[in-house]
Amino acid sequence: MDPTISASDPYSPEFLTAVERVLANEGGYSSNPADPGGATNFGISARAHPGLAVAALSRDAAVEIYWHEWWLRFGFAQLPAAAAAKTFDLAVNMGAGNAIECLQRALRACGLPVPEDGVIGPDTAARAARADPAVLIAALRSELAAHYRLVAAKASPQNREHENQFLKGWLIRAYR
């Protein structure tokens, strides 16, 4: 855990573990012209936060954003810790609805089908709690990788190079 995030912060231990994974994967400041999110810092994009000085964003401020705008808003705390951390991490990269739909498809692969609505509701949470954690994570990795491959394959000819530029990193993140 980062020393700037202390146990006295109002964050759950599950969130702290999950956000460390996100911050490690997202890294610091980036302004890649091929990234549709624009400039990002710790994965927080200028496009999603137009009034925020993203380049100057502190790690603690990023954690606070992830707590309120991601963890609490989308209900990741309702999931078992490993599934919550993995789904949350990929939600930051592919969007919450897409990542949650991948989780829901993974639950179907585990024999615990739920509607694929991109929402962590009571059915999704209950079935995730019933799933074998190792099997669910394996199925989730597969679904996440499939999502990324489809994004790259469906890209228009003018965007295909851009999508393929990111595909290797996306797949590493999906399988990690």
C-alpha atoms as a PDB file:
ATOM      1  CA  MET A   1       0.000   0.000   0.000  1.00  0.00           C
ATOM      2  CA  ASP A   2       1.182   3.505  -0.790  1.00  0.00           C
ATOM      3  CA  PRO A   3       2.408   5.352   2.313  1.00  0.00           C
ATOM      4  CA  THR A   4       0.299   8.404   1.395  1.00  0.00           C
ATOM      5  CA  ILE A   5      -2.861   6.307   1.851  1.00  0.00           C
ATOM      6  CA  SER A   6      -3.241   5.450   5.501  1.00  0.00           C
ATOM      7  CA  ALA A   7      -5.431   3.003   7.363  1.00  0.00           C
ATOM      8  CA  SER A   8      -7.252   5.985   8.904  1.00  0.00           C
ATOM      9  CA  ASP A   9      -8.616   7.000   5.495  1.00  0.00           C
ATOM     10  CA  PRO A  10     -12.324   6.206   5.030  1.00  0.00           C
ATOM     11  CA  TYR A  11     -11.575   3.579   2.389  1.00  0.00           C
ATOM     12  CA  SER A  12     -12.302  -0.117   2.719  1.00  0.00           C
ATOM     13  CA  PRO A  13      -9.347  -2.549   2.647  1.00  0.00           C
ATOM     14  CA  GLU A  14     -10.798  -4.122  -0.532  1.00  0.00           C
ATOM     15  CA  PHE A  15     -10.857  -0.750  -2.241  1.00  0.00           C
ATOM     16  CA  LEU A  16      -7.298   0.051  -1.165  1.00  0.00           C
ATOM     17  CA  THR A  17      -6.068  -3.215  -2.684  1.00  0.00           C
ATOM     18  CA  ALA A  18      -8.057  -2.621  -5.875  1.00  0.00           C
ATOM     19  CA  VAL A  19      -7.016   1.011  -6.300  1.00  0.00           C
ATOM     20  CA  GLU A  20      -3.349   0.092  -5.886  1.00  0.00           C
ATOM     21  CA  ARG A  21      -3.760  -2.244  -8.860  1.00  0.00           C
ATOM     22  CA  VAL A  22      -5.419   0.527 -10.910  1.00  0.00           C
ATOM     23  CA  LEU A  23      -2.736   3.077 -10.039  1.00  0.00           C
ATOM     24  CA  ALA A  24       0.050   0.623 -10.908  1.00  0.00           C
ATOM     25  CA  ASN A  25      -1.571  -0.169 -14.261  1.00  0.00           C
ATOM     26  CA  GLU A  26      -2.460   3.412 -15.123  1.00  0.00           C
ATOM     27  CA  GLY A  27       0.835   5.005 -14.108  1.00  0.00           C
ATOM     28  CA  GLY A  28       1.360   8.733 -13.903  1.00  0.00           C
ATOM     29  CA  TYR A  29       0.800  11.549 -16.346  1.00  0.00           C
ATOM     30  CA  SER A  30       0.366  10.735 -20.033  1.00  0.00           C
ATOM     31  CA  SER A  31      -0.689  12.804 -22.991  1.00  0.00           C
ATOM     32  CA  ASN A  32      -0.714  10.330 -25.877  1.00  0.00           C
ATOM     33  CA  PRO A  33      -2.410  11.922 -28.912  1.00  0.00           C
ATOM     34  CA  ALA A  34      -3.812   8.486 -29.867  1.00  0.00           C
ATOM     35  CA  ASP A  35      -5.604   8.134 -26.531  1.00  0.00           C
ATOM     36  CA  PRO A  36      -9.248   9.205 -26.911  1.00  0.00           C
ATOM     37  CA  GLY A  37      -9.332  10.165 -23.215  1.00  0.00           C
ATOM     38  CA  GLY A  38      -6.791  12.870 -23.848  1.00  0.00           C
ATOM     39  CA  ALA A  39      -4.305  13.703 -21.135  1.00  0.00           C
ATOM     40  CA  THR A  40      -4.532  11.374 -18.145  1.00  0.00           C
ATOM     41  CA  ASN A  41      -2.909  11.145 -14.749  1.00  0.00           C
ATOM     42  CA  PHE A  42      -3.288   7.990 -12.659  1.00  0.00           C
ATOM     43  CA  GLY A  43      -5.939   7.009 -15.205  1.00  0.00           C
ATOM     44  CA  ILE A  44      -8.063  10.094 -14.535  1.00  0.00           C
ATOM     45  CA  SER A  45      -8.762  11.687 -17.915  1.00  0.00           C
ATOM     46  CA  ALA A  46      -9.062  15.328 -18.852  1.00  0.00           C
ATOM     47  CA  ARG A  47     -12.012  14.407 -21.078  1.00  0.00           C
ATOM     48  CA  ALA A  48     -14.005  13.045 -18.120  1.00  0.00           C
ATOM     49  CA  HIS A  49     -12.890  15.897 -15.830  1.00  0.00           C
ATOM     50  CA  PRO A  50     -12.681  19.006 -18.036  1.00  0.00           C
ATOM     51  CA  GLY A  51     -12.245  21.468 -15.158  1.00  0.00           C
ATOM     52  CA  LEU A  52      -9.511  19.453 -13.451  1.00  0.00           C
ATOM     53  CA  ALA A  53      -5.807  20.244 -13.852  1.00  0.00           C
ATOM     54  CA  VAL A  54      -5.026  16.623 -14.683  1.00  0.00           C
ATOM     55  CA  ALA A  55      -1.277  17.174 -15.028  1.00  0.00           C
ATOM     56  CA  ALA A  56      -1.122  18.421 -11.437  1.00  0.00           C
ATOM     57  CA  LEU A  57      -3.441  15.750  -9.977  1.00  0.00           C
ATOM     58  CA  SER A  58      -2.051  14.181  -6.826  1.00  0.00           C
ATOM     59  CA  ARG A  59      -2.169  10.467  -6.121  1.00  0.00           C
ATOM     60  CA  ASP A  60      -4.420  11.071  -3.108  1.00  0.00           C
ATOM     61  CA  ALA A  61      -6.833  13.119  -5.231  1.00  0.00           C
ATOM     62  CA  ALA A  62      -6.938  10.309  -7.812  1.00  0.00           C
ATOM     63  CA  VAL A  63      -7.721   7.795  -5.050  1.00  0.00           C
ATOM     64  CA  GLU A  64     -10.550  10.031  -3.837  1.00  0.00           C
ATOM     65  CA  ILE A  65     -11.985  10.233  -7.375  1.00  0.00           C
ATOM     66  CA  TYR A  66     -11.788   6.464  -7.760  1.00  0.00           C
ATOM     67  CA  TRP A  67     -13.524   5.961  -4.409  1.00  0.00           C
ATOM     68  CA  HIS A  68     -16.503   8.184  -5.161  1.00  0.00           C
ATOM     69  CA  GLU A  69     -16.832   8.115  -8.942  1.00  0.00           C
ATOM     70  CA  TRP A  70     -15.994   4.460  -9.480  1.00  0.00           C
ATOM     71  CA  TRP A  71     -15.976   2.145  -6.446  1.00  0.00           C
ATOM     72  CA  LEU A  72     -19.083   3.508  -4.739  1.00  0.00           C
ATOM     73  CA  ARG A  73     -20.946   4.687  -7.840  1.00  0.00           C
ATOM     74  CA  PHE A  74     -20.776   1.364  -9.688  1.00  0.00           C
ATOM     75  CA  GLY A  75     -21.063  -0.906  -6.637  1.00  0.00           C
ATOM     76  CA  PHE A  76     -17.810  -2.832  -6.874  1.00  0.00           C
ATOM     77  CA  ALA A  77     -17.882  -3.348  -3.080  1.00  0.00           C
ATOM     78  CA  GLN A  78     -20.819  -5.728  -3.566  1.00  0.00           C
ATOM     79  CA  LEU A  79     -18.525  -8.233  -5.291  1.00  0.00           C
ATOM     80  CA  PRO A  80     -16.047 -10.703  -3.808  1.00  0.00           C
ATOM     81  CA  ALA A  81     -12.682  -8.963  -3.383  1.00  0.00           C
ATOM     82  CA  ALA A  82     -10.814 -10.592  -6.289  1.00  0.00           C
ATOM     83  CA  ALA A  83     -13.664 -10.078  -8.763  1.00  0.00           C
ATOM     84  CA  ALA A  84     -14.180  -6.528  -7.512  1.00  0.00           C
ATOM     85  CA  ALA A  85     -10.510  -5.628  -7.945  1.00  0.00           C
ATOM     86  CA  LYS A  86     -10.262  -7.134 -11.437  1.00  0.00           C
ATOM     87  CA  THR A  87     -13.537  -5.670 -12.699  1.00  0.00           C
ATOM     88  CA  PHE A  88     -12.780  -2.250 -11.200  1.00  0.00           C
ATOM     89  CA  ASP A  89      -9.309  -2.191 -12.749  1.00  0.00           C
ATOM     90  CA  LEU A  90     -10.611  -2.952 -16.220  1.00  0.00           C
ATOM     91  CA  ALA A  91     -13.605  -0.630 -15.788  1.00  0.00           C
ATOM     92  CA  VAL A  92     -11.172   2.258 -15.548  1.00  0.00           C
ATOM     93  CA  ASN A  93      -9.711   1.224 -18.898  1.00  0.00           C
ATOM     94  CA  MET A  94     -12.754   0.057 -20.899  1.00  0.00           C
ATOM     95  CA  GLY A  95     -15.647   1.739 -19.109  1.00  0.00           C
ATOM     96  CA  ALA A  96     -17.675   0.414 -16.189  1.00  0.00           C
ATOM     97  CA  GLY A  97     -20.564  -0.914 -18.275  1.00  0.00           C
ATOM     98  CA  ASN A  98     -18.257  -2.912 -20.541  1.00  0.00           C
ATOM     99  CA  ALA A  99     -16.250  -4.372 -17.641  1.00  0.00           C
ATOM    100  CA  ILE A 100     -19.393  -5.314 -15.718  1.00  0.00           C
ATOM    101  CA  GLU A 101     -20.869  -6.953 -18.827  1.00  0.00           C
ATOM    102  CA  CYS A 102     -17.649  -8.982 -19.098  1.00  0.00           C
ATOM    103  CA  LEU A 103     -18.128 -10.012 -15.461  1.00  0.00           C
ATOM    104  CA  GLN A 104     -21.717 -10.999 -16.228  1.00  0.00           C
ATOM    105  CA  ARG A 105     -20.601 -13.082 -19.221  1.00  0.00           C
ATOM    106  CA  ALA A 106     -17.945 -14.689 -16.995  1.00  0.00           C
ATOM    107  CA  LEU A 107     -20.674 -15.599 -14.501  1.00  0.00           C
ATOM    108  CA  ARG A 108     -22.603 -17.241 -17.338  1.00  0.00           C
ATOM    109  CA  ALA A 109     -19.451 -19.204 -18.235  1.00  0.00           C
ATOM    110  CA  CYS A 110     -19.357 -20.358 -14.598  1.00  0.00           C
ATOM    111  CA  GLY A 111     -22.932 -21.641 -14.890  1.00  0.00           C
ATOM    112  CA  LEU A 112     -24.375 -18.686 -12.979  1.00  0.00           C
ATOM    113  CA  PRO A 113     -26.113 -16.628 -15.679  1.00  0.00           C
ATOM    114  CA  VAL A 114     -27.368 -13.101 -15.042  1.00  0.00           C
ATOM    115  CA  PRO A 115     -28.705 -10.475 -17.426  1.00  0.00           C
ATOM    116  CA  GLU A 116     -25.885  -8.684 -19.248  1.00  0.00           C
ATOM    117  CA  ASP A 117     -26.968  -5.175 -18.372  1.00  0.00           C
ATOM    118  CA  GLY A 118     -23.652  -3.666 -17.252  1.00  0.00           C
ATOM    119  CA  VAL A 119     -24.965  -3.037 -13.733  1.00  0.00           C
ATOM    120  CA  ILE A 120     -23.848  -4.671 -10.487  1.00  0.00           C
ATOM    121  CA  GLY A 121     -27.251  -5.397  -9.030  1.00  0.00           C
ATOM    122  CA  PRO A 122     -28.389  -7.944  -6.449  1.00  0.00           C
ATOM    123  CA  ASP A 123     -28.393 -10.871  -8.917  1.00  0.00           C
ATOM    124  CA  THR A 124     -24.899 -10.152 -10.217  1.00  0.00           C
ATOM    125  CA  ALA A 125     -23.538  -9.682  -6.689  1.00  0.00           C
ATOM    126  CA  ALA A 126     -25.221 -12.849  -5.350  1.00  0.00           C
ATOM    127  CA  ARG A 127     -24.019 -15.029  -8.214  1.00  0.00           C
ATOM    128  CA  ALA A 128     -20.509 -13.624  -8.012  1.00  0.00           C
ATOM    129  CA  ALA A 129     -20.492 -14.528  -4.305  1.00  0.00           C
ATOM    130  CA  ARG A 130     -21.535 -18.100  -5.188  1.00  0.00           C
ATOM    131  CA  ALA A 131     -18.917 -18.564  -7.915  1.00  0.00           C
ATOM    132  CA  ASP A 132     -15.654 -20.380  -7.336  1.00  0.00           C
ATOM    133  CA  PRO A 133     -13.250 -17.400  -7.128  1.00  0.00           C
ATOM    134  CA  ALA A 134     -10.473 -18.956  -9.233  1.00  0.00           C
ATOM    135  CA  VAL A 135     -12.880 -20.095 -11.936  1.00  0.00           C
ATOM    136  CA  LEU A 136     -14.618 -16.718 -12.014  1.00  0.00           C
ATOM    137  CA  ILE A 137     -11.334 -14.824 -12.392  1.00  0.00           C
ATOM    138  CA  ALA A 138     -10.215 -17.173 -15.192  1.00  0.00           C
ATOM    139  CA  ALA A 139     -13.513 -16.680 -17.013  1.00  0.00           C
ATOM    140  CA  LEU A 140     -13.377 -12.929 -16.414  1.00  0.00           C
ATOM    141  CA  ARG A 141      -9.871 -12.689 -17.886  1.00  0.00           C
ATOM    142  CA  SER A 142     -11.071 -14.508 -20.973  1.00  0.00           C
ATOM    143  CA  GLU A 143     -14.096 -12.244 -21.404  1.00  0.00           C
ATOM    144  CA  LEU A 144     -12.026  -9.095 -20.917  1.00  0.00           C
ATOM    145  CA  ALA A 145      -9.480 -10.208 -23.516  1.00  0.00           C
ATOM    146  CA  ALA A 146     -12.292 -11.069 -25.939  1.00  0.00           C
ATOM    147  CA  HIS A 147     -13.750  -7.582 -25.467  1.00  0.00           C
ATOM    148  CA  TYR A 148     -10.432  -5.944 -26.316  1.00  0.00           C
ATOM    149  CA  ARG A 149      -9.922  -8.159 -29.363  1.00  0.00           C
ATOM    150  CA  LEU A 150     -13.382  -7.215 -30.632  1.00  0.00           C
ATOM    151  CA  VAL A 151     -12.667  -3.512 -30.135  1.00  0.00           C
ATOM    152  CA  ALA A 152      -9.510  -3.833 -32.219  1.00  0.00           C
ATOM    153  CA  ALA A 153     -11.214  -5.978 -34.880  1.00  0.00           C
ATOM    154  CA  LYS A 154     -14.209  -3.649 -35.218  1.00  0.00           C
ATOM    155  CA  ALA A 155     -12.119  -0.505 -35.527  1.00  0.00           C
ATOM    156  CA  SER A 156     -12.614   1.422 -38.731  1.00  0.00           C
ATOM    157  CA  PRO A 157      -9.659   1.309 -41.129  1.00  0.00           C
ATOM    158  CA  GLN A 158      -8.546   4.798 -40.052  1.00  0.00           C
ATOM    159  CA  ASN A 159      -8.674   3.799 -36.335  1.00  0.00           C
ATOM    160  CA  ARG A 160      -7.338   0.243 -36.677  1.00  0.00           C
ATOM    161  CA  GLU A 161      -3.694   1.240 -36.237  1.00  0.00           C
ATOM    162  CA  HIS A 162      -4.602   3.179 -33.089  1.00  0.00           C
ATOM    163  CA  GLU A 163      -6.535   0.248 -31.598  1.00  0.00           C
ATOM    164  CA  ASN A 164      -3.810  -2.253 -32.486  1.00  0.00           C
ATOM    165  CA  GLN A 165      -1.237   0.078 -30.891  1.00  0.00           C
ATOM    166  CA  PHE A 166      -2.993  -0.449 -27.544  1.00  0.00           C
ATOM    167  CA  LEU A 167      -4.121  -4.090 -27.967  1.00  0.00           C
ATOM    168  CA  LYS A 168      -0.973  -5.735 -26.588  1.00  0.00           C
ATOM    169  CA  GLY A 169      -1.115  -3.653 -23.393  1.00  0.00           C
ATOM    170  CA  TRP A 170      -4.857  -4.239 -23.049  1.00  0.00           C
ATOM    171  CA  LEU A 171      -4.379  -8.005 -23.298  1.00  0.00           C
ATOM    172  CA  ILE A 172      -1.574  -7.970 -20.736  1.00  0.00           C
ATOM    173  CA  ARG A 173      -3.874  -6.082 -18.378  1.00  0.00           C
ATOM    174  CA  ALA A 174      -6.804  -8.426 -19.042  1.00  0.00           C
ATOM    175  CA  TYR A 175      -4.770 -11.531 -18.281  1.00  0.00           C
ATOM    176  CA  ARG A 176      -2.842 -10.096 -15.301  1.00  0.00           C
END
